[in-house]
């Protein structure tokens, strides 16, 4: 049985009140905010029986309002990067705001992560819904979006749905940063990761995929068997992992599959991710720099956490060989991701 409760958590000037929802099973406790559909906390048990919060975040609402790193949030309308913030749909060019070097990132200057979502209770969890008007952040069509977070035993499920009045690109994910030793631990070098991907997407110097789908074999991106993150980071070019791993081929059907497993041997905590998305962005918090004060006064520095952002491939709207990211009127967008928290 999952207990579900909620309370008011604060007020955002000009936007309204924000609620905190709590999902509690015998193994896991999850806290969700109506601002940004943010996963504020996940408490899971280590092999010593101790519950620890393993998701980075803030003690108060102001932290989330001013946050620029998408901590715990649902990002959209299009997660990840769109080259030059520009795309063509049905013969019309759209220009988005540029907010990441020369590119558009995670939906724009005021993406879904900064909106207050409408919440309603569902069996074992909460459904959060949002209407994104036609032209929102430059995107075409009025889009009605929902994400349901449900907790069953040790598994948290995020179920994303959307419909649109015009053809629009869409790509929804959750941007939680995890540290299985507990949020506030210094780094993730002692975590082991494996990702069920035969290939990954190399990127240019602005983190846009080059178009090549490269086999992981013989590269530092071969994570098919568990590797220790610390030593492997030394082999990866640039500041760390911030790459899409291809979980399926571009034309494959959208079916649920194993994406990734991360284990922290010292605490025994394990996170496994399953998804119907064709990709997962493995990100090692390369741009956290210690300037943010998180929960309990923790300073979140470089490589202090990892993200497993299940997603369509970045810049898919501009790359015909990538999985299709367009949602047409009359179609239903639906993607599901499961996070399972266990111990070894």
Protein backbone atom coordinates (compact mmCIF):
# COMPACT_ATOMS: atom_id res chain seq x y z
CA UNK A 1 0.00 0.00 0.00
CA UNK A 2 1.15 3.51 -0.84
CA UNK A 3 0.01 6.35 1.39
CA UNK A 4 -0.55 9.65 -0.44
CA UNK A 5 -0.83 13.01 1.31
CA UNK A 6 -0.31 16.67 0.46
CA UNK A 7 0.04 20.08 2.05
CA UNK A 8 0.70 23.65 0.99
CA UNK A 9 4.45 24.29 0.80
CA UNK A 10 4.66 27.95 -0.15
CA UNK A 11 3.65 30.74 -2.48
CA UNK A 12 5.32 31.98 -5.68
CA UNK A 13 4.71 35.65 -6.35
CA UNK A 14 2.53 36.09 -9.45
CA UNK A 15 2.07 32.35 -9.94
CA UNK A 16 0.20 31.07 -6.90
CA UNK A 17 0.61 28.47 -4.19
CA UNK A 18 2.79 25.38 -4.40
CA UNK A 19 1.85 22.08 -2.79
CA UNK A 20 4.09 19.26 -1.56
CA UNK A 21 2.80 15.73 -2.22
CA UNK A 22 4.19 12.75 -0.32
CA UNK A 23 4.07 9.17 -1.63
CA UNK A 24 5.06 6.63 1.01
CA UNK A 25 5.44 2.86 0.61
CA UNK A 26 7.09 0.47 3.05
CA UNK A 27 10.39 0.80 1.16
CA UNK A 28 10.49 4.30 -0.37
CA UNK A 29 9.29 7.84 0.34
CA UNK A 30 8.94 10.33 -2.54
CA UNK A 31 8.21 14.06 -2.25
CA UNK A 32 6.81 15.93 -5.26
CA UNK A 33 6.22 19.66 -5.75
CA UNK A 34 3.52 21.15 -7.97
CA UNK A 35 6.13 23.69 -9.11
CA UNK A 36 7.81 22.13 -12.14
CA UNK A 37 6.42 18.67 -11.25
CA UNK A 38 9.66 18.49 -9.26
CA UNK A 39 10.78 15.34 -7.47
CA UNK A 40 12.03 17.04 -4.31
CA UNK A 41 13.22 13.96 -2.43
CA UNK A 42 13.51 10.21 -2.69
CA UNK A 43 14.27 8.42 0.55
CA UNK A 44 15.48 4.86 0.09
CA UNK A 45 16.99 2.30 2.44
CA UNK A 46 20.63 1.26 2.48
CA UNK A 47 21.87 -2.20 3.48
CA UNK A 48 22.23 -0.83 7.04
CA UNK A 49 18.47 -0.19 7.05
CA UNK A 50 18.90 3.59 7.17
CA UNK A 51 16.65 5.78 5.00
CA UNK A 52 18.62 8.43 3.13
CA UNK A 53 17.48 11.21 0.77
CA UNK A 54 19.25 10.50 -2.52
CA UNK A 55 17.94 13.38 -4.68
CA UNK A 56 19.54 16.84 -4.80
CA UNK A 57 17.31 19.81 -4.03
CA UNK A 58 16.62 22.80 -1.81
CA UNK A 59 15.27 23.34 1.68
CA UNK A 60 12.81 26.01 0.60
CA UNK A 61 10.70 27.14 -2.31
CA UNK A 62 12.93 30.11 -3.11
CA UNK A 63 15.73 27.70 -3.99
CA UNK A 64 13.57 26.06 -6.66
CA UNK A 65 12.19 29.38 -7.98
CA UNK A 66 15.71 30.73 -8.61
CA UNK A 67 17.26 27.37 -9.63
CA UNK A 68 18.94 27.32 -13.06
CA UNK A 69 20.02 23.67 -13.08
CA UNK A 70 16.57 21.98 -13.34
CA UNK A 71 16.95 20.09 -10.04
CA UNK A 72 14.29 17.36 -9.93
CA UNK A 73 12.08 19.06 -12.52
CA UNK A 74 10.09 17.91 -15.52
CA UNK A 75 11.60 19.70 -18.50
CA UNK A 76 9.76 20.55 -21.70
CA UNK A 77 8.19 21.23 -24.10
CA UNK A 78 11.42 19.78 -25.54
CA UNK A 79 14.05 18.38 -23.18
CA UNK A 80 17.72 18.68 -24.12
CA UNK A 81 19.12 20.86 -26.92
CA UNK A 82 17.77 22.16 -30.22
CA UNK A 83 20.53 23.46 -32.49
CA UNK A 84 20.45 27.27 -32.77
CA UNK A 85 16.95 27.12 -31.24
CA UNK A 86 15.56 26.74 -34.74
CA UNK A 87 13.43 24.13 -36.49
CA UNK A 88 11.10 23.67 -39.45
CA UNK A 89 7.66 22.07 -39.08
CA UNK A 90 5.29 21.70 -42.04
CA UNK A 91 7.21 24.29 -44.02
CA UNK A 92 7.25 26.94 -41.30
CA UNK A 93 10.38 27.96 -39.43
CA UNK A 94 10.21 28.50 -35.68
CA UNK A 95 12.80 30.39 -33.64
CA UNK A 96 13.05 29.71 -29.92
CA UNK A 97 14.88 31.66 -27.24
CA UNK A 98 18.58 30.83 -27.03
CA UNK A 99 19.50 29.88 -23.47
CA UNK A 100 22.48 27.51 -23.69
CA UNK A 101 25.41 28.85 -25.72
CA UNK A 102 24.04 29.16 -29.28
CA UNK A 103 21.24 26.63 -28.62
CA UNK A 104 17.84 26.24 -26.96
CA UNK A 105 17.81 23.95 -23.91
CA UNK A 106 15.05 22.21 -21.92
CA UNK A 107 12.06 24.13 -23.29
CA UNK A 108 13.26 27.73 -23.11
CA UNK A 109 13.61 30.58 -20.66
CA UNK A 110 10.39 29.63 -18.85
CA UNK A 111 9.92 25.96 -19.54
CA UNK A 112 7.65 23.47 -17.80
CA UNK A 113 10.09 23.44 -14.85
CA UNK A 114 9.00 26.97 -13.86
CA UNK A 115 5.22 26.43 -14.17
CA UNK A 116 2.85 25.46 -11.37
CA UNK A 117 1.08 22.25 -12.35
CA UNK A 118 -2.44 21.27 -11.31
CA UNK A 119 -2.39 18.23 -9.01
CA UNK A 120 -4.94 15.52 -8.36
CA UNK A 121 -4.69 12.24 -6.46
CA UNK A 122 -4.53 8.97 -8.39
CA UNK A 123 -4.15 5.41 -7.14
CA UNK A 124 -0.77 5.26 -5.41
CA UNK A 125 0.33 8.72 -6.38
CA UNK A 126 -0.36 12.09 -7.96
CA UNK A 127 -1.17 13.31 -11.46
CA UNK A 128 0.17 16.75 -12.42
CA UNK A 129 -1.24 18.52 -15.45
CA UNK A 130 -0.39 21.67 -17.37
CA UNK A 131 -1.67 23.59 -20.41
CA UNK A 132 1.07 25.11 -22.55
CA UNK A 133 -0.54 27.75 -24.80
CA UNK A 134 0.02 28.07 -28.55
CA UNK A 135 3.28 29.99 -29.00
CA UNK A 136 4.57 29.19 -25.50
CA UNK A 137 8.36 29.85 -25.59
CA UNK A 138 8.02 29.95 -29.40
CA UNK A 139 6.54 26.45 -29.88
CA UNK A 140 3.48 25.83 -32.09
CA UNK A 141 0.14 24.53 -30.80
CA UNK A 142 -1.68 24.42 -27.50
CA UNK A 143 -0.38 21.36 -25.65
CA UNK A 144 -2.06 19.66 -22.73
CA UNK A 145 0.49 17.71 -20.73
CA UNK A 146 0.31 15.43 -17.72
CA UNK A 147 2.78 13.43 -15.69
CA UNK A 148 1.65 10.86 -13.15
CA UNK A 149 4.03 9.83 -10.41
CA UNK A 150 2.98 6.57 -8.77
CA UNK A 151 4.83 4.54 -6.17
CA UNK A 152 4.40 0.79 -5.89
CA UNK A 153 6.71 -0.88 -3.37
CA UNK A 154 10.22 0.06 -4.43
CA UNK A 155 9.29 1.40 -7.91
CA UNK A 156 8.49 5.01 -8.79
CA UNK A 157 6.81 5.36 -12.19
CA UNK A 158 6.64 8.56 -14.24
CA UNK A 159 3.94 8.37 -16.91
CA UNK A 160 3.99 11.28 -19.40
CA UNK A 161 1.08 12.10 -21.71
CA UNK A 162 0.34 14.97 -24.10
CA UNK A 163 -1.93 16.13 -26.92
CA UNK A 164 -1.49 19.16 -29.20
CA UNK A 165 -3.68 21.35 -31.42
CA UNK A 166 -0.84 21.80 -33.96
CA UNK A 167 2.16 19.71 -34.98
CA UNK A 168 4.92 20.35 -32.45
CA UNK A 169 8.12 18.72 -31.30
CA UNK A 170 7.82 17.25 -27.82
CA UNK A 171 10.26 15.46 -25.54
CA UNK A 172 9.51 15.17 -21.81
CA UNK A 173 11.83 13.93 -19.08
CA UNK A 174 12.60 14.32 -15.42
CA UNK A 175 15.88 15.99 -14.48
CA UNK A 176 16.52 14.56 -11.00
CA UNK A 177 20.11 14.51 -9.80
CA UNK A 178 20.93 11.41 -7.75
CA UNK A 179 23.68 10.48 -5.31
CA UNK A 180 23.07 7.04 -3.83
CA UNK A 181 25.34 7.79 -0.88
CA UNK A 182 22.87 10.53 0.02
CA UNK A 183 22.36 14.02 -1.38
CA UNK A 184 25.17 16.19 -0.10
CA UNK A 185 27.84 13.49 -0.49
CA UNK A 186 30.89 14.98 -2.24
CA UNK A 187 30.95 12.99 -5.47
CA UNK A 188 29.82 9.88 -7.36
CA UNK A 189 33.28 8.46 -8.11
CA UNK A 190 32.54 5.36 -5.99
CA UNK A 191 29.30 4.55 -7.87
CA UNK A 192 29.15 1.81 -10.51
CA UNK A 193 27.09 2.43 -13.66
CA UNK A 194 25.88 0.25 -16.49
CA UNK A 195 23.78 1.42 -19.46
CA UNK A 196 22.05 -0.97 -21.87
CA UNK A 197 23.17 0.80 -25.04
CA UNK A 198 25.15 -0.48 -28.04
CA UNK A 199 25.66 3.06 -29.35
CA UNK A 200 25.77 6.70 -28.29
CA UNK A 201 25.65 10.11 -29.97
CA UNK A 202 28.93 12.04 -30.29
CA UNK A 203 28.44 15.80 -29.90
CA UNK A 204 30.02 19.00 -31.21
CA UNK A 205 31.58 21.60 -28.93
CA UNK A 206 28.12 23.05 -28.13
CA UNK A 207 26.78 19.57 -27.12
CA UNK A 208 24.64 19.14 -30.24
CA UNK A 209 24.79 15.60 -31.73
CA UNK A 210 26.87 15.51 -34.91
CA UNK A 211 24.40 13.11 -36.57
CA UNK A 212 26.66 10.09 -36.22
CA UNK A 213 25.34 7.08 -34.27
CA UNK A 214 28.58 5.58 -32.94
CA UNK A 215 29.07 2.08 -31.51
CA UNK A 216 30.21 2.15 -27.87
CA UNK A 217 32.53 -0.82 -28.45
CA UNK A 218 36.14 0.12 -27.72
CA UNK A 219 35.28 3.59 -26.37
CA UNK A 220 34.95 5.07 -22.84
CA UNK A 221 31.19 5.10 -23.55
CA UNK A 222 30.96 1.32 -23.40
CA UNK A 223 28.96 0.97 -20.19
CA UNK A 224 27.26 -2.30 -21.05
CA UNK A 225 29.04 -3.93 -18.10
CA UNK A 226 29.27 -2.11 -14.72
CA UNK A 227 32.16 0.37 -14.48
CA UNK A 228 33.31 2.57 -11.63
CA UNK A 229 32.41 6.16 -12.51
CA UNK A 230 35.51 7.87 -11.05
CA UNK A 231 38.22 6.21 -13.17
CA UNK A 232 35.99 6.20 -16.27
CA UNK A 233 35.43 9.98 -16.05
CA UNK A 234 39.19 10.43 -16.56
CA UNK A 235 38.88 8.73 -19.96
CA UNK A 236 35.90 10.75 -21.23
CA UNK A 237 36.77 13.83 -23.31
CA UNK A 238 35.58 17.13 -21.84
CA UNK A 239 34.24 17.70 -18.32
CA UNK A 240 32.36 14.39 -18.03
CA UNK A 241 29.41 12.44 -19.38
CA UNK A 242 26.65 14.54 -20.97
CA UNK A 243 25.66 12.25 -23.81
CA UNK A 244 22.65 10.45 -25.20
CA UNK A 245 22.90 6.67 -25.06
CA UNK A 246 20.78 4.95 -27.71
CA UNK A 247 18.50 2.35 -26.14
CA UNK A 248 16.88 1.42 -29.44
CA UNK A 249 17.19 2.08 -33.16
CA UNK A 250 15.50 5.13 -34.70
CA UNK A 251 12.56 3.23 -36.23
CA UNK A 252 11.99 0.77 -33.37
CA UNK A 253 8.58 0.60 -31.70
CA UNK A 254 8.16 2.44 -28.41
CA UNK A 255 8.34 -0.44 -25.91
CA UNK A 256 9.63 -0.52 -22.35
CA UNK A 257 13.20 -1.74 -21.95
CA UNK A 258 16.02 -1.73 -19.41
CA UNK A 259 18.00 1.52 -19.59
CA UNK A 260 20.49 1.72 -16.76
CA UNK A 261 21.63 0.48 -13.37
CA UNK A 262 23.67 2.42 -10.83
CA UNK A 263 25.02 0.84 -7.65
CA UNK A 264 26.74 2.42 -4.64
CA UNK A 265 28.52 -0.57 -3.08
CA UNK A 266 29.29 1.13 0.26
CA UNK A 267 25.62 1.77 1.10
CA UNK A 268 24.28 -1.11 -0.99
CA UNK A 269 21.80 1.21 -2.74
CA UNK A 270 20.84 0.41 -6.32
CA UNK A 271 18.84 2.45 -8.83
CA UNK A 272 17.52 0.72 -11.93
CA UNK A 273 15.79 2.56 -14.76
CA UNK A 274 13.38 1.10 -17.33
CA UNK A 275 11.79 3.24 -20.04
CA UNK A 276 9.81 3.30 -23.27
CA UNK A 277 11.98 6.21 -24.49
CA UNK A 278 14.59 5.58 -27.23
CA UNK A 279 17.41 7.26 -25.33
CA UNK A 280 18.83 8.23 -21.96
CA UNK A 281 21.07 11.24 -21.32
CA UNK A 282 23.71 10.20 -18.80
CA UNK A 283 24.92 13.41 -17.17
CA UNK A 284 27.49 13.60 -14.39
CA UNK A 285 26.67 17.10 -13.07
CA UNK A 286 29.63 18.63 -14.90
CA UNK A 287 28.28 22.17 -14.52
CA UNK A 288 27.47 22.17 -10.82
CA UNK A 289 30.25 24.29 -9.33
CA UNK A 290 29.69 24.45 -5.57
CA UNK A 291 27.97 27.82 -5.76
CA UNK A 292 24.53 26.36 -4.99
CA UNK A 293 23.48 25.69 -1.41
CA UNK A 294 21.22 22.66 -1.30
CA UNK A 295 19.34 20.71 1.32
CA UNK A 296 20.87 20.84 4.79
CA UNK A 297 23.42 23.43 3.65
CA UNK A 298 25.10 21.01 1.22
CA UNK A 299 27.27 22.57 -1.51
CA UNK A 300 26.67 20.80 -4.80
CA UNK A 301 29.90 20.63 -6.80
CA UNK A 302 31.06 19.12 -10.07
CA UNK A 303 30.42 15.35 -10.28
CA UNK A 304 28.40 15.45 -7.03
CA UNK A 305 25.54 13.55 -8.66
CA UNK A 306 24.27 11.96 -11.85
CA UNK A 307 21.16 12.26 -14.01
CA UNK A 308 19.55 9.55 -16.13
CA UNK A 309 17.26 11.63 -18.34
CA UNK A 310 15.13 9.20 -20.36
CA UNK A 311 14.29 11.00 -23.58
CA UNK A 312 14.09 11.17 -27.32
CA UNK A 313 17.46 11.89 -28.90
CA UNK A 314 18.65 15.53 -28.66
CA UNK A 315 17.96 17.83 -31.64
CA UNK A 316 15.75 15.13 -33.20
CA UNK A 317 13.53 17.82 -34.73
CA UNK A 318 16.48 18.79 -36.97
CA UNK A 319 17.93 15.33 -37.63
CA UNK A 320 15.84 13.19 -39.97
CA UNK A 321 17.72 9.98 -39.11
CA UNK A 322 16.82 10.27 -35.39
CA UNK A 323 13.57 8.95 -33.84
CA UNK A 324 10.60 11.15 -34.73
CA UNK A 325 9.76 13.73 -32.04
CA UNK A 326 6.74 15.36 -33.67
CA UNK A 327 3.31 15.18 -32.05
CA UNK A 328 0.45 15.76 -34.51
CA UNK A 329 -3.12 16.85 -33.75
CA UNK A 330 -5.25 13.82 -32.91
CA UNK A 331 -2.26 11.80 -31.70
CA UNK A 332 -1.51 10.85 -28.10
CA UNK A 333 2.02 11.20 -26.78
CA UNK A 334 2.77 8.67 -24.06
CA UNK A 335 6.11 7.70 -22.52
CA UNK A 336 6.78 5.78 -19.31
CA UNK A 337 9.86 5.56 -17.08
CA UNK A 338 10.29 3.36 -13.98
CA UNK A 339 12.86 4.03 -11.24
CA UNK A 340 13.42 1.05 -8.94
CA UNK A 341 15.27 1.54 -5.65
CA UNK A 342 16.72 -1.60 -4.04
CA UNK A 343 19.79 -2.77 -2.15
CA UNK A 344 22.45 -5.40 -2.81
